[in-house]
């Protein structure tokens, strides 16, 4: 019997974590664009830079996570194939 909740067991799959990370990166990038376009002054610039840094940090984490997964025998082929496999 696995330790943890059902959600943590489902997130143990690399593809699920990858999809969640990519969704968070998308939200961060959209936040950067929205805050850069619609918030005026230095608050808008600071917000945009913070969202860009958050997105870049997630990108680096995902890259390191993908490199670590390459050493395993997992059949992960990237987030796009993961989404296509879940849709079809």
N, C-alpha and C. Protein backbone atom coordinates (compact mmCIF):
# COMPACT_ATOMS: atom_id res chain seq x y z
N UNK A 1 0.84 -1.17 0.00
CA UNK A 1 0.00 0.00 0.00
C UNK A 1 0.89 1.24 0.00
N UNK A 2 0.69 2.15 -0.98
CA UNK A 2 1.54 3.33 -1.06
C UNK A 2 1.26 4.30 0.09
N UNK A 3 2.33 4.96 0.51
CA UNK A 3 2.22 5.94 1.58
C UNK A 3 1.81 7.28 0.96
N UNK A 4 0.86 7.98 1.56
CA UNK A 4 0.43 9.28 1.07
C UNK A 4 -0.98 9.23 0.54
N UNK A 5 -1.47 10.39 0.19
CA UNK A 5 -2.83 10.47 -0.33
C UNK A 5 -2.87 10.00 -1.77
N UNK A 6 -4.09 9.87 -2.29
CA UNK A 6 -4.23 9.45 -3.68
C UNK A 6 -3.65 10.50 -4.62
N UNK A 7 -3.77 11.78 -4.25
CA UNK A 7 -3.20 12.83 -5.08
C UNK A 7 -1.68 12.73 -5.16
N UNK A 8 -1.03 12.48 -4.04
CA UNK A 8 0.43 12.36 -4.07
C UNK A 8 0.87 11.13 -4.85
N UNK A 9 0.08 10.07 -4.81
CA UNK A 9 0.41 8.88 -5.59
C UNK A 9 0.27 9.18 -7.08
N UNK A 10 -0.78 9.93 -7.46
CA UNK A 10 -0.97 10.29 -8.86
C UNK A 10 0.11 11.25 -9.34
N UNK A 11 0.58 12.14 -8.46
CA UNK A 11 1.63 13.09 -8.84
C UNK A 11 3.01 12.45 -8.86
N UNK A 12 3.12 11.22 -8.38
CA UNK A 12 4.40 10.53 -8.43
C UNK A 12 4.79 10.22 -9.87
N UNK A 13 3.82 10.19 -10.76
CA UNK A 13 4.08 9.98 -12.18
C UNK A 13 4.76 11.22 -12.74
N UNK A 14 5.86 11.04 -13.45
CA UNK A 14 6.62 12.17 -13.99
C UNK A 14 5.78 13.01 -14.93
N UNK A 15 4.96 12.40 -15.75
CA UNK A 15 4.16 13.14 -16.71
C UNK A 15 3.17 14.08 -16.05
N UNK A 16 2.56 13.66 -14.95
CA UNK A 16 1.63 14.52 -14.23
C UNK A 16 2.34 15.73 -13.65
N UNK A 17 3.50 15.51 -13.06
CA UNK A 17 4.26 16.63 -12.51
C UNK A 17 4.70 17.57 -13.61
N UNK A 18 5.06 17.02 -14.76
CA UNK A 18 5.50 17.85 -15.88
C UNK A 18 4.36 18.72 -16.40
N UNK A 19 3.17 18.15 -16.51
CA UNK A 19 2.02 18.93 -16.97
C UNK A 19 1.71 20.05 -15.99
N UNK A 20 1.73 19.76 -14.70
CA UNK A 20 1.46 20.79 -13.70
C UNK A 20 2.51 21.90 -13.76
N UNK A 21 3.77 21.54 -13.92
CA UNK A 21 4.83 22.54 -14.01
C UNK A 21 4.65 23.41 -15.25
N UNK A 22 4.28 22.81 -16.37
CA UNK A 22 4.06 23.60 -17.58
C UNK A 22 2.84 24.51 -17.45
N UNK A 23 1.81 24.06 -16.77
CA UNK A 23 0.64 24.92 -16.53
C UNK A 23 1.04 26.12 -15.67
N UNK A 24 1.82 25.88 -14.62
CA UNK A 24 2.27 26.97 -13.77
C UNK A 24 3.16 27.94 -14.54
N UNK A 25 4.01 27.42 -15.44
CA UNK A 25 4.83 28.30 -16.27
C UNK A 25 3.95 29.16 -17.18
N UNK A 26 2.92 28.58 -17.74
CA UNK A 26 2.00 29.34 -18.59
C UNK A 26 1.28 30.42 -17.82
N UNK A 27 0.83 30.10 -16.61
CA UNK A 27 0.15 31.09 -15.77
C UNK A 27 1.11 32.22 -15.40
N UNK A 28 2.35 31.87 -15.08
CA UNK A 28 3.34 32.89 -14.76
C UNK A 28 3.63 33.80 -15.93
N UNK A 29 3.72 33.24 -17.12
CA UNK A 29 3.99 34.06 -18.31
C UNK A 29 2.81 34.97 -18.63
N UNK A 30 1.59 34.43 -18.53
CA UNK A 30 0.41 35.26 -18.76
C UNK A 30 0.34 36.38 -17.71
N UNK A 31 0.67 36.07 -16.47
CA UNK A 31 0.72 37.09 -15.43
C UNK A 31 1.72 38.18 -15.74
N UNK A 32 2.87 37.81 -16.31
CA UNK A 32 3.88 38.80 -16.69
C UNK A 32 3.36 39.71 -17.79
N UNK A 33 2.73 39.13 -18.79
CA UNK A 33 2.20 39.93 -19.89
C UNK A 33 1.10 40.86 -19.41
N UNK A 34 0.18 40.33 -18.63
CA UNK A 34 -0.94 41.14 -18.13
C UNK A 34 -0.45 42.26 -17.22
N UNK A 35 0.45 41.94 -16.31
CA UNK A 35 0.94 42.98 -15.41
C UNK A 35 1.79 44.00 -16.15
N UNK A 36 2.52 43.59 -17.16
CA UNK A 36 3.31 44.53 -17.95
C UNK A 36 2.46 45.45 -18.80
N UNK A 37 1.32 44.97 -19.27
CA UNK A 37 0.48 45.78 -20.13
C UNK A 37 -0.53 46.64 -19.38
N UNK A 38 -1.04 46.16 -18.26
CA UNK A 38 -2.17 46.83 -17.64
C UNK A 38 -1.89 47.49 -16.30
N UNK A 39 -0.76 47.25 -15.69
CA UNK A 39 -0.42 47.92 -14.44
C UNK A 39 0.63 48.98 -14.76
N UNK A 40 0.32 50.21 -14.42
CA UNK A 40 1.20 51.31 -14.78
C UNK A 40 2.24 51.58 -13.70
N UNK A 41 3.29 52.24 -14.12
CA UNK A 41 4.33 52.68 -13.19
C UNK A 41 5.29 51.58 -12.81
N UNK A 42 6.01 51.88 -11.74
CA UNK A 42 7.04 50.94 -11.30
C UNK A 42 6.43 49.66 -10.73
N UNK A 43 5.20 49.72 -10.22
CA UNK A 43 4.55 48.51 -9.73
C UNK A 43 4.34 47.50 -10.86
N UNK A 44 3.96 48.00 -12.04
CA UNK A 44 3.79 47.12 -13.20
C UNK A 44 5.09 46.49 -13.63
N UNK A 45 6.16 47.28 -13.62
CA UNK A 45 7.48 46.75 -14.02
C UNK A 45 7.95 45.71 -13.01
N UNK A 46 7.80 46.02 -11.73
CA UNK A 46 8.24 45.08 -10.69
C UNK A 46 7.43 43.79 -10.77
N UNK A 47 6.12 43.91 -10.97
CA UNK A 47 5.27 42.71 -11.08
C UNK A 47 5.65 41.88 -12.29
N UNK A 48 5.90 42.54 -13.41
CA UNK A 48 6.27 41.82 -14.62
C UNK A 48 7.58 41.07 -14.43
N UNK A 49 8.57 41.73 -13.85
CA UNK A 49 9.87 41.10 -13.62
C UNK A 49 9.73 39.93 -12.65
N UNK A 50 8.90 40.09 -11.63
CA UNK A 50 8.70 39.00 -10.66
C UNK A 50 8.06 37.78 -11.34
N UNK A 51 7.05 38.02 -12.18
CA UNK A 51 6.42 36.90 -12.89
C UNK A 51 7.40 36.24 -13.87
N UNK A 52 8.21 37.03 -14.55
CA UNK A 52 9.19 36.46 -15.48
C UNK A 52 10.21 35.62 -14.72
N UNK A 53 10.67 36.12 -13.57
CA UNK A 53 11.63 35.36 -12.76
C UNK A 53 11.01 34.06 -12.24
N UNK A 54 9.75 34.12 -11.84
CA UNK A 54 9.05 32.91 -11.38
C UNK A 54 8.97 31.89 -12.51
N UNK A 55 8.60 32.36 -13.70
CA UNK A 55 8.49 31.46 -14.86
C UNK A 55 9.85 30.87 -15.22
N UNK A 56 10.90 31.71 -15.18
CA UNK A 56 12.24 31.22 -15.50
C UNK A 56 12.71 30.19 -14.48
N UNK A 57 12.39 30.42 -13.22
CA UNK A 57 12.75 29.44 -12.19
C UNK A 57 12.07 28.10 -12.39
N UNK A 58 10.79 28.15 -12.75
CA UNK A 58 10.09 26.90 -13.05
C UNK A 58 10.67 26.21 -14.27
N UNK A 59 11.07 26.98 -15.26
CA UNK A 59 11.67 26.42 -16.47
C UNK A 59 12.97 25.70 -16.12
N UNK A 60 13.79 26.31 -15.29
CA UNK A 60 15.05 25.68 -14.88
C UNK A 60 14.76 24.41 -14.08
N UNK A 61 13.81 24.47 -13.17
CA UNK A 61 13.45 23.27 -12.39
C UNK A 61 12.96 22.15 -13.29
N UNK A 62 12.13 22.49 -14.27
CA UNK A 62 11.61 21.47 -15.19
C UNK A 62 12.74 20.88 -16.02
N UNK A 63 13.70 21.71 -16.43
CA UNK A 63 14.83 21.20 -17.22
C UNK A 63 15.67 20.23 -16.40
N UNK A 64 15.95 20.58 -15.17
CA UNK A 64 16.73 19.69 -14.29
C UNK A 64 15.94 18.41 -14.02
N UNK A 65 14.64 18.56 -13.81
CA UNK A 65 13.79 17.40 -13.55
C UNK A 65 13.76 16.46 -14.76
N UNK A 66 13.72 17.04 -15.95
CA UNK A 66 13.72 16.22 -17.17
C UNK A 66 15.04 15.49 -17.35
N UNK A 67 16.15 16.16 -17.03
CA UNK A 67 17.46 15.51 -17.13
C UNK A 67 17.55 14.33 -16.17
N UNK A 68 17.01 14.49 -14.97
CA UNK A 68 17.02 13.39 -14.01
C UNK A 68 16.15 12.24 -14.46
N UNK A 69 15.08 12.53 -15.17
CA UNK A 69 14.20 11.48 -15.64
C UNK A 69 14.80 10.71 -16.81
N UNK A 70 15.72 11.33 -17.54
CA UNK A 70 16.33 10.67 -18.69
C UNK A 70 17.16 9.46 -18.26
N UNK A 71 17.62 9.45 -17.03
CA UNK A 71 18.42 8.33 -16.55
C UNK A 71 17.57 7.12 -16.17
N UNK A 72 16.28 7.29 -16.08
CA UNK A 72 15.40 6.19 -15.70
C UNK A 72 14.88 5.49 -16.96
N UNK A 73 14.17 4.41 -16.76
CA UNK A 73 13.58 3.68 -17.88
C UNK A 73 12.14 4.11 -18.14
N UNK A 74 11.80 5.31 -17.72
CA UNK A 74 10.45 5.83 -17.91
C UNK A 74 10.21 6.11 -19.39
N UNK A 75 8.98 5.97 -19.83
CA UNK A 75 8.66 6.19 -21.24
C UNK A 75 8.16 7.60 -21.50
N UNK A 76 8.67 8.58 -20.76
CA UNK A 76 8.26 9.97 -20.93
C UNK A 76 8.85 10.54 -22.21
N UNK A 77 7.98 11.15 -23.05
CA UNK A 77 8.43 11.69 -24.34
C UNK A 77 8.18 13.18 -24.46
N UNK A 78 7.97 13.87 -23.37
CA UNK A 78 7.72 15.30 -23.41
C UNK A 78 6.28 15.62 -23.04
N UNK A 79 6.06 16.88 -22.70
CA UNK A 79 4.74 17.26 -22.19
C UNK A 79 3.69 17.20 -23.29
N UNK A 80 4.02 17.51 -24.54
CA UNK A 80 3.02 17.46 -25.59
C UNK A 80 2.53 16.03 -25.84
N UNK A 81 3.43 15.08 -25.87
CA UNK A 81 3.03 13.68 -26.04
C UNK A 81 2.24 13.20 -24.82
N UNK A 82 2.59 13.72 -23.65
CA UNK A 82 1.88 13.35 -22.42
C UNK A 82 0.42 13.85 -22.50
N UNK A 83 0.23 15.06 -22.98
CA UNK A 83 -1.13 15.60 -23.12
C UNK A 83 -1.89 14.82 -24.18
N UNK A 84 -1.25 14.53 -25.31
CA UNK A 84 -1.92 13.77 -26.37
C UNK A 84 -2.30 12.38 -25.90
N UNK A 85 -1.46 11.73 -25.13
CA UNK A 85 -1.78 10.41 -24.60
C UNK A 85 -2.96 10.45 -23.64
N UNK A 86 -3.10 11.52 -22.91
CA UNK A 86 -4.21 11.64 -21.96
C UNK A 86 -5.51 12.01 -22.66
N UNK A 87 -5.42 12.71 -23.79
CA UNK A 87 -6.62 13.14 -24.50
C UNK A 87 -7.18 11.99 -25.33
N UNK A 88 -6.32 11.23 -25.99
CA UNK A 88 -6.78 10.14 -26.87
C UNK A 88 -6.77 8.83 -26.17
